[in-house]
Protein backbone atom coordinates (compact mmCIF):
# COMPACT_ATOMS: atom_id res chain seq x y z
CA MET A 1 9.37 -3.94 19.50
CA ILE A 2 10.00 -6.57 22.17
CA GLU A 3 13.41 -8.16 22.55
CA PHE A 4 14.53 -11.00 24.84
CA VAL A 5 18.03 -10.36 26.21
CA TRP A 6 18.63 -13.99 27.25
CA ILE A 7 16.62 -15.82 24.63
CA TRP A 8 18.54 -19.04 25.29
CA VAL A 9 16.55 -19.41 28.54
CA PHE A 10 13.63 -20.70 26.46
CA LEU A 11 15.63 -23.93 26.02
CA VAL A 12 14.47 -24.97 29.50
CA LEU A 13 10.77 -24.88 28.53
CA PRO A 14 10.49 -28.69 28.04
CA LEU A 15 12.36 -29.38 31.30
CA PRO A 16 9.28 -30.41 33.37
CA TRP A 17 8.14 -32.80 30.63
CA LEU A 18 11.63 -34.32 30.38
CA ILE A 19 11.78 -34.79 34.15
CA ARG A 20 8.35 -36.44 34.09
CA ARG A 21 9.47 -38.81 31.34
CA ALA A 22 12.82 -39.62 32.97
CA LEU A 23 11.68 -40.30 36.53
CA PRO A 24 9.92 -43.60 37.35
CA ALA A 25 6.24 -43.55 38.19
CA ALA A 26 5.36 -43.20 41.85
CA ALA A 27 4.90 -46.54 43.65
CA ASP A 28 1.44 -47.65 44.81
CA ALA A 29 0.72 -46.64 48.38
CA GLY A 30 0.33 -50.33 49.32
CA GLY A 31 -2.97 -51.37 47.84
CA ALA A 32 -6.43 -51.19 49.25
CA ALA A 33 -6.81 -51.66 52.96
CA LEU A 34 -10.25 -53.23 52.50
CA ARG A 35 -11.22 -55.63 49.77
CA THR A 36 -14.81 -55.53 48.63
CA PRO A 37 -16.52 -57.99 46.38
CA PHE A 38 -18.27 -55.16 44.59
CA LEU A 39 -15.10 -53.17 43.66
CA GLU A 40 -16.01 -53.32 40.03
CA GLU A 41 -19.27 -51.54 40.77
CA LEU A 42 -17.45 -48.76 42.69
CA ASP A 43 -15.24 -48.16 39.71
CA GLY A 44 -18.27 -47.40 37.62
CA LEU A 45 -19.60 -44.66 39.92
CA PRO A 46 -19.43 -41.06 38.58
CA SER A 47 -17.53 -39.76 41.63
CA ASN A 48 -14.72 -42.23 41.19
CA GLN A 49 -14.42 -41.45 37.51
CA GLY A 50 -13.82 -37.80 38.41
CA VAL A 51 -11.04 -38.74 40.81
CA LYS A 52 -9.31 -40.87 38.18
CA GLN A 53 -9.48 -38.19 35.55
CA GLY A 54 -8.41 -35.39 37.88
CA LYS A 55 -8.89 -31.70 37.09
CA PRO A 56 -7.39 -30.82 33.69
CA HIS A 57 -7.57 -27.07 34.26
CA ALA A 58 -4.95 -27.37 37.04
CA LEU A 59 -2.51 -28.81 34.51
CA TRP A 60 -3.05 -25.91 32.12
CA ILE A 61 -2.59 -23.40 34.94
CA ALA A 62 0.73 -25.02 35.82
CA VAL A 63 1.87 -25.01 32.16
CA ALA A 64 0.93 -21.33 31.73
CA GLY A 65 2.72 -20.40 34.96
CA TRP A 66 5.89 -22.22 33.85
CA VAL A 67 5.87 -20.52 30.43
CA LEU A 68 5.44 -17.09 32.04
CA LEU A 69 8.22 -17.81 34.54
CA VAL A 70 10.63 -18.82 31.78
CA GLY A 71 9.59 -15.77 29.76
CA ALA A 72 10.39 -13.49 32.70
CA ALA A 73 13.78 -15.18 33.14
CA ALA A 74 14.57 -14.47 29.46
CA ARG A 75 14.42 -10.73 30.39
CA PRO A 76 12.01 -9.21 27.87
CA GLN A 77 12.58 -5.53 27.00
CA TRP A 78 10.64 -2.97 25.02
CA LEU A 79 12.89 -1.13 22.54
CA GLY A 80 11.85 2.43 21.77
CA ASP A 81 12.46 4.34 18.56
CA PRO A 82 16.12 5.23 17.78
CA ILE A 83 17.16 8.60 19.23
CA GLU A 84 20.10 10.55 17.83
CA GLN A 85 22.70 11.59 20.40
CA ALA A 86 25.09 14.40 19.60
CA VAL A 87 28.71 13.58 20.44
CA SER A 88 31.44 16.19 20.18
CA GLY A 89 35.02 15.65 19.16
CA ARG A 90 36.27 18.31 21.59
CA ASP A 91 36.78 18.82 25.28
CA LEU A 92 36.94 22.48 26.27
CA MET A 93 38.36 23.77 29.54
CA LEU A 94 37.52 27.35 30.56
CA ALA A 95 39.86 29.20 32.92
CA VAL A 96 38.46 32.43 34.39
CA ASP A 97 40.40 35.02 36.41
CA LEU A 98 38.84 35.92 39.79
CA SER A 99 41.58 38.28 40.98
CA GLY A 100 40.71 41.60 42.61
CA SER A 101 41.11 43.62 39.40
CA MET A 102 38.12 41.83 37.87
CA GLU A 103 35.84 44.05 39.98
CA ILE A 104 36.68 47.14 37.88
CA GLU A 105 33.44 48.36 36.28
CA ASP A 106 34.60 49.23 32.77
CA PHE A 107 32.08 47.08 30.87
CA PHE A 108 28.47 47.77 29.96
CA LEU A 109 25.75 45.14 29.89
CA HIS A 110 22.13 45.86 28.98
CA GLY A 111 22.75 49.58 29.29
CA ARG A 112 24.34 49.58 32.74
CA SER A 113 27.89 49.55 34.00
CA VAL A 114 29.10 46.18 35.29
CA ASP A 115 32.39 44.72 36.46
CA ARG A 116 34.55 42.54 34.27
CA LEU A 117 33.53 39.29 35.93
CA THR A 118 29.81 39.95 35.45
CA ALA A 119 30.36 40.64 31.73
CA THR A 120 32.48 37.49 31.45
CA GLN A 121 29.85 35.37 33.20
CA TRP A 122 27.17 36.63 30.82
CA VAL A 123 29.12 36.12 27.59
CA ALA A 124 30.90 32.89 28.59
CA GLY A 125 27.56 31.51 29.84
CA GLN A 126 26.04 31.98 26.39
CA PHE A 127 29.11 30.30 24.89
CA ILE A 128 28.65 27.31 27.21
CA GLU A 129 24.99 26.98 26.23
CA ARG A 130 25.90 26.91 22.53
CA ARG A 131 28.37 24.05 22.91
CA VAL A 132 25.73 21.33 22.65
CA GLY A 133 27.43 17.93 22.82
CA ASP A 134 30.79 19.26 24.05
CA ARG A 135 32.36 18.32 27.34
CA ILE A 136 33.04 21.52 29.28
CA GLY A 137 35.27 22.02 32.32
CA LEU A 138 35.82 25.10 34.49
CA ILE A 139 38.93 26.36 36.28
CA LEU A 140 38.78 29.41 38.55
CA PHE A 141 42.05 31.06 39.44
CA GLY A 142 43.38 33.94 41.46
CA GLU A 143 46.30 33.48 43.81
CA ARG A 144 45.74 29.76 43.27
CA ALA A 145 44.00 27.71 40.58
CA TYR A 146 41.08 25.42 41.40
CA LEU A 147 39.16 22.92 39.32
CA GLN A 148 35.58 24.05 39.82
CA ALA A 149 34.01 21.57 37.37
CA PRO A 150 35.68 18.58 35.67
CA LEU A 151 34.94 17.86 32.03
CA THR A 152 31.26 17.05 31.73
CA PHE A 153 28.36 17.06 29.28
CA ASP A 154 26.28 18.79 31.95
CA ARG A 155 26.57 22.31 30.57
CA THR A 156 23.84 23.61 32.88
CA THR A 157 25.87 22.79 35.99
CA VAL A 158 29.03 24.38 34.56
CA HIS A 159 27.02 27.50 33.73
CA ILE A 160 25.64 27.65 37.28
CA LEU A 161 29.10 27.22 38.83
CA LEU A 162 30.45 30.02 36.66
CA ASP A 163 27.59 32.34 37.67
CA GLU A 164 28.20 31.55 41.35
CA ALA A 165 31.88 32.54 41.17
CA VAL A 166 32.76 35.70 43.10
CA ILE A 167 35.76 38.00 42.91
CA GLY A 168 38.47 37.12 45.42
CA LEU A 169 37.24 33.56 45.87
CA ALA A 170 40.69 32.24 44.90
CA GLY A 171 42.70 35.20 46.23
CA ASP A 172 43.42 38.72 44.99
CA LYS A 173 46.55 37.93 42.96
CA THR A 174 46.81 36.21 39.56
CA ALA A 175 48.37 32.78 38.99
CA ILE A 176 48.09 32.35 35.22
CA GLY A 177 50.84 29.73 35.09
CA ASP A 178 49.16 27.54 37.70
CA ALA A 179 45.85 27.69 35.79
CA ILE A 180 47.58 26.51 32.60
CA GLY A 181 49.39 23.74 34.47
CA LEU A 182 46.16 22.52 36.05
CA ALA A 183 44.41 22.47 32.67
CA ALA A 184 47.29 20.55 31.08
CA LYS A 185 47.12 17.98 33.88
CA ARG A 186 43.35 17.52 33.59
CA LEU A 187 43.45 17.18 29.78
CA ARG A 188 46.53 14.97 29.60
CA ASP A 189 44.62 11.74 29.02
CA ASN A 190 42.42 13.16 26.25
CA PRO A 191 43.19 12.68 22.53
CA ALA A 192 45.63 15.30 21.27
CA ASP A 193 43.13 16.95 18.93
CA GLN A 194 40.63 17.45 21.77
CA ARG A 195 42.73 19.44 24.24
CA VAL A 196 41.60 23.05 24.21
CA LEU A 197 41.91 25.71 26.93
CA ILE A 198 40.22 29.13 26.81
CA LEU A 199 41.94 31.36 29.37
CA LEU A 200 40.56 34.77 30.32
CA SER A 201 42.44 37.27 32.44
CA ASP A 202 42.75 41.03 32.92
CA GLY A 203 46.23 41.31 34.43
CA ALA A 204 49.72 39.95 34.69
CA ASN A 205 51.00 36.88 36.49
CA THR A 206 51.69 37.90 40.10
CA ALA A 207 51.49 34.56 41.94
CA GLY A 208 51.82 30.84 41.48
CA ALA A 209 54.50 28.17 41.53
CA VAL A 210 55.24 28.29 37.78
CA SER A 211 55.55 31.14 35.30
CA PRO A 212 53.04 31.43 32.43
CA LEU A 213 55.67 30.83 29.74
CA GLN A 214 57.03 27.74 31.48
CA ALA A 215 53.50 26.43 31.81
CA ALA A 216 52.89 27.20 28.13
CA GLU A 217 55.92 25.12 27.17
CA VAL A 218 54.55 22.20 29.16
CA ALA A 219 51.16 22.71 27.52
CA ALA A 220 52.78 22.73 24.07
CA ARG A 221 54.47 19.39 24.81
CA GLU A 222 51.10 18.02 25.94
CA LYS A 223 49.51 19.22 22.65
CA LEU A 224 47.21 21.58 24.59
CA LYS A 225 45.96 24.46 22.43
CA ILE A 226 45.37 27.66 24.40
CA TYR A 227 43.23 30.62 23.39
CA THR A 228 43.93 33.62 25.61
CA ILE A 229 41.59 36.58 26.13
CA GLY A 230 42.73 39.85 27.67
CA VAL A 231 39.80 41.79 29.11
CA GLY A 232 39.54 45.41 30.15
CA ALA A 233 38.81 48.79 28.58
CA ASP A 234 41.60 51.03 27.28
CA GLN A 235 40.17 54.03 29.08
CA MET A 236 37.45 54.96 31.53
CA VAL A 237 36.30 58.11 33.29
CA VAL A 238 36.77 58.23 37.06
CA ASN A 239 35.79 60.85 39.63
CA ASP A 240 38.21 62.12 42.24
CA LEU A 241 38.78 65.23 44.34
CA PHE A 242 39.87 67.20 41.28
CA GLY A 243 36.84 66.29 39.15
CA THR A 244 36.78 63.73 36.38
CA ARG A 245 39.72 62.30 34.50
CA ARG A 246 40.43 59.50 32.04
CA VAL A 247 42.57 56.56 33.10
CA ASN A 248 43.69 53.30 31.54
CA PRO A 249 42.21 50.52 33.70
CA SER A 250 44.10 47.86 31.73
CA GLN A 251 47.61 49.14 32.31
CA ASP A 252 48.50 45.98 34.23
CA LEU A 253 47.38 43.66 31.43
CA ASP A 254 50.41 41.71 30.18
CA GLU A 255 49.41 41.36 26.54
CA GLU A 256 52.90 40.28 25.52
CA THR A 257 52.79 37.23 27.77
CA MET A 258 49.20 36.40 26.84
CA ASN A 259 50.12 36.52 23.16
CA ALA A 260 53.24 34.39 23.73
CA ILE A 261 51.20 31.73 25.52
CA ALA A 262 48.83 31.46 22.57
CA GLU A 263 51.65 31.34 20.01
CA LYS A 264 53.58 28.63 21.85
CA THR A 265 50.54 26.35 21.96
CA GLY A 266 49.11 26.98 18.49
CA GLY A 267 46.22 29.08 19.75
CA ARG A 268 45.33 32.75 19.41
CA TYR A 269 45.26 35.88 21.56
CA PHE A 270 42.16 38.08 21.66
CA ARG A 271 41.61 41.51 23.17
CA ALA A 272 38.21 42.35 24.65
CA ARG A 273 37.74 46.02 25.50
CA ASP A 274 33.98 45.88 25.87
CA THR A 275 31.09 43.44 25.97
CA ASN A 276 30.56 43.48 22.20
CA GLU A 277 34.19 42.54 21.55
CA LEU A 278 33.96 39.79 24.15
CA GLU A 279 30.85 38.37 22.50
CA HIS A 280 32.55 38.53 19.09
CA ILE A 281 35.57 36.66 20.46
CA TYR A 282 33.46 33.78 21.74
CA GLN A 283 31.66 33.65 18.38
CA LEU A 284 35.07 33.36 16.70
CA LEU A 285 35.96 30.57 19.09
CA ASP A 286 32.80 28.77 17.95
CA GLU A 287 34.16 28.96 14.41
CA LEU A 288 37.74 28.02 15.30
CA GLU A 289 36.63 25.06 17.44
CA PRO A 290 33.30 24.02 15.90
CA VAL A 291 31.10 21.43 17.54
CA GLU A 292 31.70 18.11 15.80
CA ARG A 293 28.59 15.97 15.82
CA ALA A 294 29.03 12.34 14.97
CA ARG A 295 25.76 10.55 14.33
CA HIS A 296 25.29 8.19 17.24
CA PHE A 297 21.99 6.57 18.04
CA TYR A 298 20.64 4.76 21.06
CA ARG A 299 17.33 3.05 21.72
CA PRO A 300 15.68 3.48 25.12
CA ARG A 301 14.96 0.16 26.80
CA THR A 302 12.13 -0.60 29.22
CA GLU A 303 12.32 -3.78 31.30
CA LEU A 304 9.16 -5.92 30.96
CA TYR A 305 10.06 -8.96 33.08
CA PRO A 306 8.03 -7.82 36.14
CA TRP A 307 4.77 -8.38 34.23
CA PRO A 308 5.21 -12.10 33.28
CA LEU A 309 6.82 -12.72 36.66
CA ALA A 310 3.82 -11.27 38.48
CA ALA A 311 1.44 -13.28 36.27
CA ALA A 312 3.39 -16.48 36.99
CA LEU A 313 3.23 -15.85 40.75
CA LEU A 314 -0.50 -15.19 40.47
CA LEU A 315 -1.06 -18.47 38.65
CA ALA A 316 1.08 -20.28 41.21
CA GLY A 317 -1.14 -18.91 43.97
CA LEU A 318 -4.26 -19.92 42.05
CA LEU A 319 -2.89 -23.43 41.56
CA ALA A 320 -2.14 -23.72 45.29
CA VAL A 321 -5.68 -22.67 46.17
CA THR A 322 -7.04 -25.24 43.69
CA LYS A 323 -5.00 -28.05 45.28
CA LEU A 324 -6.12 -27.10 48.77
CA ARG A 325 -9.76 -27.33 47.74
CA GLU A 326 -9.46 -30.86 46.31
C-alpha cells in the first residue's frame, strides 16, 4: 500500500488558485498604438479569436505539474508486507582464554587431534550460530583482557573474530580477573536480567590487576551471572625419551576458583574434558539461557517521491517549450 508521510502538504494544492483570486488583474499595457476604423472586423478574424482564447492544454499541463510536485513533497512511500523480527531478552558476552596452555592437543575433532582453542572455536562457533536474535560480544584474554567484539546482533562477525583468534595473541599468562572485570564494565548499562558472561579457561589466574574472586564480587554486585567452563583432558599419552607415559594436562586448572566464581554470581561451573562434553555444555547453556523471542514486526518502506518529482519536472519543461513556441 502507498502511504504519504506528510499528508498535510496537500493543503497547499489550492494555493495557485487562491493567489490568482487575491491578486489584482494585470493592468493594460497602455492601449493600442494605432487606432483603426475597422477594429471590429479584426476582432472577428479566426486568428484573433485563437489569441484571445489562448491554449487550454498549457493550463492543464501546469495543473498536472503542480499536483505532482505537491504529491512528491508529501513524501509517498510504498509499505511492504509486515516482517517478523526476532528480538532476544539476553545479551551474552563470551570470554575465551588464549594463554599458551590452550595449545595442548588433548581434544579430538572429526577424528583428529586438535588443540584446546581449535575445539573451543568449533563448539563455541556453533553456539553463536544458534543464538538467533541474541546480542553477542567477545572478550579474548591472556596476560591482558581485550574486547574483541562489542555486543552486536551480527553473529557472523563475532564468529569470524573468534575463528581468527590465535594462541598467545593476548600473552602467555592468564588474567581471569581482568576478563571478568571487563565484562562487568561492558554489561553495566544493560538490564539486570540480561547480563550473562560465559568464561572459558584451562588454567589458573597468573596475571592481571585484580584477582578472580574480587572480580566475581564486583560482578555479583553488578548482577552479572557468570558461567565458567574448565577445559582440558584428565589424562593424555605423551612420548619422551623413555617411551610413552600418561600425564594430566589439566593439573594447572584451578577448578576451585572457577566454581567459586560461578557460585558468587549465580551461575554454574562446567568441566569439559573432551569435545563431546564441551558440546553438551553449550547445549545446556542454550537451555539455561534460552533465546527469548518477542514478536516484533516492521514493514519495509520504499521512497516513491522521485517518480512524481521527475514527472513534475518533465511537465515543467514541456510547458516551457510550449510557451517559447507561442
